[in-house]
Amino acid sequence: MEYKFSDRVLTLKPSAIREIFKYAADPSVVSLSAGNPSPEAFPVKEIAEISARIFAERPIDALQYSFTEGYPALRETIAAYMKDRHNVGRDFDGVLITSGAQQVMDLLTKSLCNEGDVVICEAPSFIGSLNTFRSYRARLRGVPMEPDGMNMNELERALKEEPRARFIYTIPNFQNPSGITMSWEKRQAMYALAKKYGVLILEDNPYGDLRFSGEHVPPVKSLDEDGLVVYCGSFSKVVSPGMRVGYAIAPQELLQKMVVCKQGEDVHTNIWSQMICQELMTKYDFDAHLDRLRAIYREKSAFTMKLLDEHLVPHGVTYLPIEGGLFLWCTLPDGVDMPAFCKEAVLRKVCVVPGNAFLTDENEPCQSFRINYSTPTNEQLEKGIRILGELAAEVCR
C-alpha cells in the first residue's frame, strides 16, 4: 500500500542523534554522542524506597487516573521551590507538569503557532526542540551565539524583520549543544526586547542545577513582571530521564490552553513518577543530592577537558570550557570537512554529533561537533578522545 503522510510530517527527518545511537549501540564503539546523565547519578536507593512506600501505603493514588495539570503536591512543591530559590513565579503564574521538558515545547508551539509563524532560536540549538517547532510548520529564524549568549543586535534585527515571530527559544544555562551560559546583562536585554516587540520567551532550563563552578545567574523568568516568559524545567537530568517528568511555569491564561492540548495528547503525566519526584524534594535532602551530581560532573568534565587539551587542541581544534551541563562544543580549523571528520570517527568506532544537526538550517556550513562527557566511563573518554586526536592529526594540517 502507498502511504500518504500529512504535510506536517513530510519534511521531518530522523534525529541525527538517534541515528547515531544505532552505531553507538555496538559495544565496541565509544559513544560521545548521547546526552544521558552519568550512570552514577541516579538516586536508585531513594527511588526504590519511595516506590515501596507508595505501593504499601497508597497504591491507588499512583495507579489511578489523575489531574491533567499534574499531581497537586508536586505542583505546590515546585512553585514554592522556584519562588524561594530563583524568584520565579508571580501571582499570574501557574505550574503544569508535563511528560518531560520536551512536551513543554510541543504544547506551547501547538497553542501559539499557525503554519508559517516564526520561532526565533539560538543557532545552534537543541535538535529535539527544533524538530518540535518544525512539526507544527513553524519557520525557524536562527540568531548566532556569542561566548555569553545570543547576539542581541542580531536578535533585535530578527524581531524587526519577523512580524510573525511568536516566541524566542533560549537555553540560557550550559546550552545544548554549545555549553554557553547567557550573561545576566544579556538576559535583561532579551527580556527588554521581548517586551518592546510583544514576543514571548520560552526559557528551557534542564541543566541549570548542574552548575559545578562559577557564579549562579538568575533565570530570565525572574525578571517577568509582564507575563512574557514561559519557564521550562525538568527532572530528567537531576533525577531520571526515563521517568519523564518536566514542568512549565507560565501565565495561567497560557497554561489553560496547554492543558487542553495535553488532554488530547496523554491525559496526564505518569503519576507514580510525579509522586517520586515530590517525595525526593520534600522527604530527602534534595540539595545534598544535587551537590553529589555537581561533584560527579565537576570531576568528569575536568578530566574530559584535560583530554581535549592533550589530544585535540595541539592540532588546532578548539572548544568552549564549561561551568556546568553535560556537553562540550568542539570546533575544527577552517578548511577541515566537519561531516567527513565525524563519519571517519564513526568508522574508527567513536561517535560524536555533527554540529549542523543543531542548526536551524542544516545546510549551513558548520565546523563544530558536540561531545557528551557524562555518559561514558573515564576509560571510554580516554580512548575515544585519543582516537579523535589521532584523526585530527591526520586532517588538521
Protein backbone atom coordinates (compact mmCIF):
# COMPACT_ATOMS: atom_id res chain seq x y z
CA MET A 1 0.00 0.00 0.00
CA GLU A 2 1.16 3.55 -0.70
CA TYR A 3 1.02 5.68 2.44
CA LYS A 4 0.16 9.36 2.18
CA PHE A 5 1.65 11.34 5.04
CA SER A 6 0.43 14.67 6.32
CA ASP A 7 2.07 17.82 5.04
CA ARG A 8 3.18 18.48 8.62
CA VAL A 9 5.49 15.46 8.76
CA LEU A 10 6.57 15.15 5.12
CA THR A 11 9.66 17.32 5.59
CA LEU A 12 10.68 15.97 9.01
CA LYS A 13 13.88 13.94 9.15
CA PRO A 14 15.02 11.41 11.74
CA SER A 15 17.02 12.92 14.58
CA ALA A 16 20.71 12.82 13.71
CA ILE A 17 21.45 11.91 17.31
CA ARG A 18 19.01 8.98 17.29
CA GLU A 19 20.52 7.76 14.04
CA ILE A 20 23.98 7.91 15.57
CA PHE A 21 22.67 5.87 18.52
CA LYS A 22 22.32 2.94 16.09
CA TYR A 23 26.09 2.91 15.73
CA ALA A 24 26.62 3.65 19.41
CA ALA A 25 24.69 0.51 20.36
CA ASP A 26 27.70 -1.50 19.17
CA PRO A 27 29.63 -2.27 22.39
CA SER A 28 32.92 -1.78 20.56
CA VAL A 29 32.00 1.84 19.76
CA VAL A 30 32.85 4.67 22.15
CA SER A 31 29.74 6.85 22.22
CA LEU A 32 30.43 10.52 22.93
CA SER A 33 27.12 11.38 21.30
CA ALA A 34 24.47 10.77 23.97
CA GLY A 35 23.01 13.34 26.32
CA ASN A 36 22.33 10.98 29.20
CA PRO A 37 23.09 11.55 32.87
CA SER A 38 26.00 9.64 34.31
CA PRO A 39 25.04 6.12 35.45
CA GLU A 40 26.40 7.12 38.88
CA ALA A 41 23.94 10.00 39.14
CA PHE A 42 20.67 8.12 39.61
CA PRO A 43 19.19 8.04 43.15
CA VAL A 44 18.30 4.37 42.79
CA LYS A 45 18.09 3.54 46.51
CA GLU A 46 15.83 6.51 47.25
CA ILE A 47 13.53 5.80 44.29
CA ALA A 48 13.20 2.15 45.40
CA GLU A 49 12.35 3.24 48.97
CA ILE A 50 9.77 5.77 47.83
CA SER A 51 8.17 3.34 45.38
CA ALA A 52 7.88 0.64 48.04
CA ARG A 53 6.29 3.12 50.43
CA ILE A 54 3.84 4.39 47.82
CA PHE A 55 2.67 0.89 46.90
CA ALA A 56 2.43 -0.12 50.54
CA GLU A 57 0.51 2.94 51.71
CA ARG A 58 -1.40 4.45 48.78
CA PRO A 59 -1.15 2.33 45.65
CA ILE A 60 -4.38 3.57 44.08
CA ASP A 61 -3.13 7.16 44.09
CA ALA A 62 -0.22 6.04 41.90
CA LEU A 63 -2.20 3.72 39.63
CA GLN A 64 -5.45 5.62 39.03
CA TYR A 65 -6.18 8.43 36.56
CA SER A 66 -5.27 11.87 37.88
CA PHE A 67 -5.28 15.58 37.02
CA THR A 68 -4.00 16.81 33.66
CA GLU A 69 -2.37 19.77 35.40
CA GLY A 70 -0.28 17.38 37.48
CA TYR A 71 -0.01 15.92 40.97
CA PRO A 72 -1.13 18.82 43.22
CA ALA A 73 1.52 18.24 45.89
CA LEU A 74 4.31 18.32 43.29
CA ARG A 75 2.94 21.47 41.68
CA GLU A 76 2.88 23.19 45.06
CA THR A 77 6.39 21.99 45.90
CA ILE A 78 7.82 23.20 42.57
CA ALA A 79 6.08 26.58 42.87
CA ALA A 80 7.47 27.13 46.38
CA TYR A 81 10.96 25.85 45.50
CA MET A 82 11.30 28.00 42.37
CA LYS A 83 9.97 31.11 44.12
CA ASP A 84 12.27 30.64 47.11
CA ARG A 85 15.43 29.68 45.19
CA HIS A 86 15.10 31.61 41.93
CA ASN A 87 12.40 34.29 42.38
CA VAL A 88 10.40 32.56 39.65
CA GLY A 89 6.61 32.78 39.67
CA ARG A 90 4.19 35.69 40.08
CA ASP A 91 0.54 35.87 41.08
CA PHE A 92 -0.48 35.40 37.43
CA ASP A 93 1.63 32.24 37.01
CA GLY A 94 0.77 28.57 37.47
CA VAL A 95 2.56 25.22 37.20
CA LEU A 96 1.83 22.48 34.68
CA ILE A 97 3.51 19.07 34.99
CA THR A 98 4.47 17.59 31.62
CA SER A 99 5.81 14.33 30.22
CA GLY A 100 9.38 15.56 30.13
CA ALA A 101 10.51 19.06 29.22
CA GLN A 102 10.13 18.22 25.54
CA GLN A 103 6.36 18.29 25.95
CA VAL A 104 6.50 21.93 27.07
CA MET A 105 7.94 22.85 23.66
CA ASP A 106 5.23 20.83 21.95
CA LEU A 107 2.30 22.20 23.96
CA LEU A 108 3.39 25.81 23.69
CA THR A 109 4.00 25.59 19.93
CA LYS A 110 0.68 23.84 19.41
CA SER A 111 -1.05 26.53 21.47
CA LEU A 112 0.56 29.55 19.78
CA CYS A 113 1.80 28.79 16.27
CA ASN A 114 -0.02 28.65 12.98
CA GLU A 115 1.70 27.40 9.86
CA GLY A 116 4.28 29.95 8.77
CA ASP A 117 4.64 31.61 12.16
CA VAL A 118 8.22 32.15 13.30
CA VAL A 119 10.17 30.81 16.25
CA ILE A 120 13.40 32.69 16.91
CA CYS A 121 16.08 30.26 18.12
CA GLU A 122 19.68 30.28 19.19
CA ALA A 123 21.96 28.99 16.45
CA PRO A 124 22.97 26.29 17.26
CA SER A 125 20.20 24.90 19.47
CA PHE A 126 18.72 21.64 20.76
CA ILE A 127 17.63 19.44 17.87
CA GLY A 128 14.65 17.96 19.75
CA SER A 129 13.08 21.37 20.22
CA LEU A 130 13.88 22.47 16.67
CA ASN A 131 12.11 19.39 15.29
CA THR A 132 9.11 20.05 17.52
CA PHE A 133 8.80 23.57 16.13
CA ARG A 134 9.22 22.23 12.60
CA SER A 135 6.48 19.64 13.17
CA TYR A 136 3.94 22.48 13.50
CA ARG A 137 5.31 24.01 10.29
CA ALA A 138 6.75 26.99 12.11
CA ARG A 139 9.60 28.74 10.35
CA LEU A 140 12.85 28.90 12.31
CA ARG A 141 14.97 32.05 12.45
CA GLY A 142 18.41 31.42 13.90
CA VAL A 143 20.35 34.01 15.88
CA PRO A 144 24.12 33.49 16.21
CA MET A 145 25.61 32.66 19.57
CA GLU A 146 28.46 34.54 21.23
CA PRO A 147 30.52 33.35 24.22
CA ASP A 148 27.99 34.96 26.58
CA GLY A 149 24.78 34.05 24.74
CA MET A 150 22.69 35.21 21.80
CA ASN A 151 23.93 38.18 19.79
CA MET A 152 21.44 40.81 20.97
CA ASN A 153 21.86 43.06 17.93
CA GLU A 154 21.01 40.13 15.69
CA LEU A 155 18.10 39.22 17.95
CA GLU A 156 16.65 42.70 17.57
CA ARG A 157 17.17 42.53 13.82
CA ALA A 158 15.27 39.24 13.73
CA LEU A 159 12.43 40.72 15.79
CA LYS A 160 12.21 43.70 13.41
CA GLU A 161 12.26 41.51 10.31
CA GLU A 162 9.90 38.79 11.56
CA PRO A 163 6.48 40.27 12.37
CA ARG A 164 5.10 36.72 12.70
CA ALA A 165 7.55 35.82 15.47
CA ARG A 166 5.63 34.08 18.25
CA PHE A 167 8.38 33.42 20.76
CA ILE A 168 12.12 33.40 21.37
CA TYR A 169 13.52 29.99 22.35
CA THR A 170 16.56 30.01 24.61
CA ILE A 171 18.55 27.53 26.71
CA PRO A 172 20.34 30.08 28.91
CA ASN A 173 22.39 27.73 31.11
CA PHE A 174 25.08 25.42 29.67
CA GLN A 175 23.29 25.43 26.37
CA ASN A 176 22.81 22.27 24.37
CA PRO A 177 24.94 21.88 22.27
CA SER A 178 27.39 24.76 22.84
CA GLY A 179 27.69 24.70 26.64
CA ILE A 180 27.36 28.52 26.63
CA THR A 181 25.73 30.36 29.54
CA MET A 182 23.93 33.62 28.80
CA SER A 183 25.17 36.55 30.86
CA TRP A 184 22.88 38.42 33.25
CA GLU A 185 23.22 41.53 31.07
CA LYS A 186 22.01 39.63 28.02
CA ARG A 187 19.13 38.06 29.95
CA GLN A 188 17.97 41.54 30.88
CA ALA A 189 18.43 42.71 27.29
CA MET A 190 16.48 39.75 25.92
CA TYR A 191 13.60 40.44 28.29
CA ALA A 192 13.59 44.12 27.32
CA LEU A 193 13.49 43.22 23.61
CA ALA A 194 10.67 40.73 24.15
CA LYS A 195 8.69 43.43 25.94
CA LYS A 196 9.47 46.03 23.26
CA TYR A 197 8.31 43.79 20.41
CA GLY A 198 5.49 41.98 22.23
CA VAL A 199 7.01 38.49 21.84
CA LEU A 200 7.13 35.68 24.39
CA ILE A 201 10.28 33.94 25.65
CA LEU A 202 10.47 30.17 26.11
CA GLU A 203 13.22 29.61 28.67
CA ASP A 204 14.35 25.99 28.63
CA ASN A 205 16.49 25.19 31.68
CA PRO A 206 17.19 21.45 32.06
CA TYR A 207 20.82 21.97 33.10
CA GLY A 208 20.67 24.93 35.49
CA ASP A 209 21.02 22.82 38.65
CA LEU A 210 24.18 21.22 37.25
CA ARG A 211 26.45 24.24 37.76
CA PHE A 212 29.69 22.97 39.26
CA SER A 213 31.77 26.15 39.06
CA GLY A 214 31.32 29.88 38.55
CA GLU A 215 28.54 32.16 39.71
CA HIS A 216 24.81 31.41 39.52
CA VAL A 217 22.91 33.59 37.03
CA PRO A 218 19.20 34.19 37.77
CA PRO A 219 16.63 32.90 35.25
CA VAL A 220 15.10 35.21 32.67
CA LYS A 221 11.78 34.28 34.29
CA SER A 222 12.90 36.02 37.49
CA LEU A 223 12.51 39.32 35.57
CA ASP A 224 8.98 38.53 34.41
CA GLU A 225 6.52 41.13 35.65
CA ASP A 226 4.61 41.22 32.36
CA GLY A 227 3.67 37.60 31.66
CA LEU A 228 6.22 37.28 28.84
CA VAL A 229 8.21 34.20 29.91
CA VAL A 230 7.35 30.51 29.87
CA TYR A 231 9.85 28.70 32.09
CA CYS A 232 10.56 25.06 31.33
CA GLY A 233 12.14 22.82 33.97
CA SER A 234 12.86 19.12 34.13
CA PHE A 235 13.74 16.26 36.47
CA SER A 236 15.38 14.35 33.61
CA LYS A 237 18.94 15.48 34.28
CA VAL A 238 18.71 15.61 38.09
CA VAL A 239 16.58 12.52 38.86
CA SER A 240 15.81 10.32 35.85
CA PRO A 241 15.06 10.92 32.15
CA GLY A 242 13.16 7.64 31.97
CA MET A 243 10.57 8.89 34.46
CA ARG A 244 9.56 11.66 32.01
CA VAL A 245 8.69 14.47 34.42
CA GLY A 246 9.05 18.09 33.34
CA TYR A 247 7.15 21.25 34.12
CA ALA A 248 6.19 24.68 32.87
CA ILE A 249 5.77 27.82 34.96
CA ALA A 250 3.80 30.32 32.92
CA PRO A 251 0.85 32.73 32.97
CA GLN A 252 -2.37 30.87 33.75
CA GLU A 253 -4.01 32.01 30.52
CA LEU A 254 -1.31 30.26 28.50
CA LEU A 255 -1.33 27.17 30.71
CA GLN A 256 -5.08 26.74 30.28
CA LYS A 257 -4.62 26.26 26.53
CA MET A 258 -1.63 23.98 27.06
CA VAL A 259 -3.71 21.86 29.46
CA VAL A 260 -6.41 21.38 26.82
CA CYS A 261 -3.75 20.34 24.30
CA LYS A 262 -2.19 17.94 26.82
CA GLN A 263 -5.56 16.29 27.47
CA GLY A 264 -5.60 15.30 23.81
CA GLU A 265 -2.02 14.01 23.89
CA ASP A 266 -1.57 11.89 27.01
CA VAL A 267 -4.33 12.85 29.53
CA HIS A 268 -1.71 13.40 32.24
CA THR A 269 1.93 12.72 33.10
CA ASN A 270 2.80 9.47 34.90
CA ILE A 271 1.54 9.98 38.46
CA TRP A 272 3.84 7.44 40.08
CA SER A 273 6.86 9.34 38.70
CA GLN A 274 5.42 12.62 39.93
CA MET A 275 4.91 11.22 43.42
CA ILE A 276 8.54 10.04 43.49
CA CYS A 277 9.82 13.49 42.48
CA GLN A 278 7.68 15.18 45.13
CA GLU A 279 8.94 12.92 47.90
CA LEU A 280 12.56 13.31 46.77
CA MET A 281 12.18 17.06 47.09
CA THR A 282 10.39 17.05 50.46
CA LYS A 283 11.35 13.92 52.42
CA TYR A 284 15.00 13.62 51.38
CA ASP A 285 17.92 16.03 51.25
CA PHE A 286 17.44 17.20 47.69
CA ASP A 287 20.20 19.82 47.99
CA ALA A 288 22.68 17.12 49.05
CA HIS A 289 21.61 15.04 46.04
CA LEU A 290 22.27 17.99 43.70
CA ASP A 291 25.65 18.59 45.34
CA ARG A 292 26.54 14.95 44.68
CA LEU A 293 25.65 15.34 41.00
CA ARG A 294 27.73 18.50 40.74
CA ALA A 295 30.71 16.71 42.24
CA ILE A 296 30.38 13.90 39.69
CA TYR A 297 30.20 16.29 36.75
CA ARG A 298 32.90 18.62 38.07
CA GLU A 299 35.36 15.73 38.12
CA LYS A 300 34.29 14.19 34.80
CA SER A 301 34.24 17.50 32.92
CA ALA A 302 37.71 18.44 34.19
CA PHE A 303 39.02 15.05 33.10
CA THR A 304 37.46 15.47 29.65
CA MET A 305 38.77 18.99 29.12
CA LYS A 306 42.25 17.79 30.11
CA LEU A 307 42.00 15.08 27.44
CA LEU A 308 40.88 17.63 24.85
CA ASP A 309 43.84 19.84 25.76
CA GLU A 310 46.19 16.89 25.32
CA HIS A 311 44.80 15.27 22.16
CA LEU A 312 42.81 17.81 20.12
CA VAL A 313 43.96 21.33 20.95
CA PRO A 314 47.53 20.72 19.68
CA HIS A 315 46.05 20.07 16.22
CA GLY A 316 44.07 23.33 16.10
CA VAL A 317 40.76 22.03 17.44
CA THR A 318 39.22 24.49 19.90
CA TYR A 319 36.47 24.07 22.46
CA LEU A 320 34.46 26.22 24.85
CA PRO A 321 35.27 25.50 28.52
CA ILE A 322 32.14 24.83 30.59
CA GLU A 323 30.99 25.56 34.15
CA GLY A 324 28.11 23.09 34.13
CA GLY A 325 25.84 20.96 31.98
CA LEU A 326 26.69 17.84 30.00
CA PHE A 327 28.22 18.97 26.70
CA LEU A 328 31.38 20.31 25.10
CA TRP A 329 31.37 22.06 21.72
CA CYS A 330 34.48 21.42 19.65
CA THR A 331 35.41 23.36 16.53
CA LEU A 332 37.69 22.14 13.75
CA PRO A 333 40.03 24.52 11.92
CA ASP A 334 38.70 26.25 8.82
CA GLY A 335 39.08 24.11 5.75
CA VAL A 336 38.53 20.80 7.53
CA ASP A 337 35.41 18.96 6.39
CA MET A 338 33.45 18.53 9.64
CA PRO A 339 30.84 15.99 8.38
CA ALA A 340 33.62 13.89 6.84
CA PHE A 341 35.56 14.08 10.13
CA CYS A 342 32.52 12.80 12.06
CA LYS A 343 31.90 9.99 9.56
CA GLU A 344 35.52 8.88 9.72
CA ALA A 345 35.32 8.97 13.52
CA VAL A 346 32.41 6.53 13.36
CA LEU A 347 34.45 4.21 11.15
CA ARG A 348 37.12 4.33 13.85
CA LYS A 349 34.49 3.41 16.46
CA VAL A 350 33.90 6.83 18.03
CA CYS A 351 30.57 8.66 17.79
CA VAL A 352 30.18 12.42 18.10
CA VAL A 353 27.30 14.58 16.85
CA PRO A 354 27.90 16.77 13.77
CA GLY A 355 27.20 20.41 14.59
CA ASN A 356 24.95 21.06 11.60
CA ALA A 357 22.33 18.80 13.25
CA PHE A 358 21.73 21.65 15.72
CA LEU A 359 21.29 24.46 13.19
CA THR A 360 18.00 25.98 12.13
CA ASP A 361 19.20 25.30 8.57
CA GLU A 362 21.17 22.06 8.48
CA ASN A 363 22.65 23.04 5.10
CA GLU A 364 24.56 25.98 6.56
CA PRO A 365 28.32 25.47 6.88
CA CYS A 366 29.47 24.34 10.32
CA GLN A 367 32.90 23.45 11.69
CA SER A 368 31.78 22.16 15.10
CA PHE A 369 30.73 18.89 16.69
CA ARG A 370 29.28 18.04 20.09
CA ILE A 371 30.80 15.77 22.72
CA ASN A 372 28.92 14.40 25.72
CA TYR A 373 31.17 13.57 28.67
CA SER A 374 28.63 12.47 31.30
CA THR A 375 27.67 9.04 29.97
CA PRO A 376 30.98 7.38 29.01
CA THR A 377 33.35 5.94 31.60
CA ASN A 378 36.72 7.64 32.07
CA GLU A 379 38.30 4.76 30.18
CA GLN A 380 35.94 5.29 27.27
CA LEU A 381 36.55 9.04 27.32
CA GLU A 382 40.29 8.49 27.23
CA LYS A 383 40.07 6.01 24.37
CA GLY A 384 37.55 8.00 22.33
CA ILE A 385 39.29 11.36 22.61
CA ARG A 386 42.66 9.78 21.86
CA ILE A 387 41.20 8.36 18.62
CA LEU A 388 39.70 11.76 17.74
CA GLY A 389 43.13 13.28 18.36
CA GLU A 390 44.76 10.78 16.00
CA LEU A 391 42.19 11.65 13.33
CA ALA A 392 42.69 15.37 13.91
CA ALA A 393 46.45 14.93 13.50
CA GLU A 394 45.78 13.49 10.03
CA VAL A 395 43.24 16.04 8.74
CA CYS A 396 44.12 19.29 10.54
CA ARG A 397 47.32 20.08 8.65
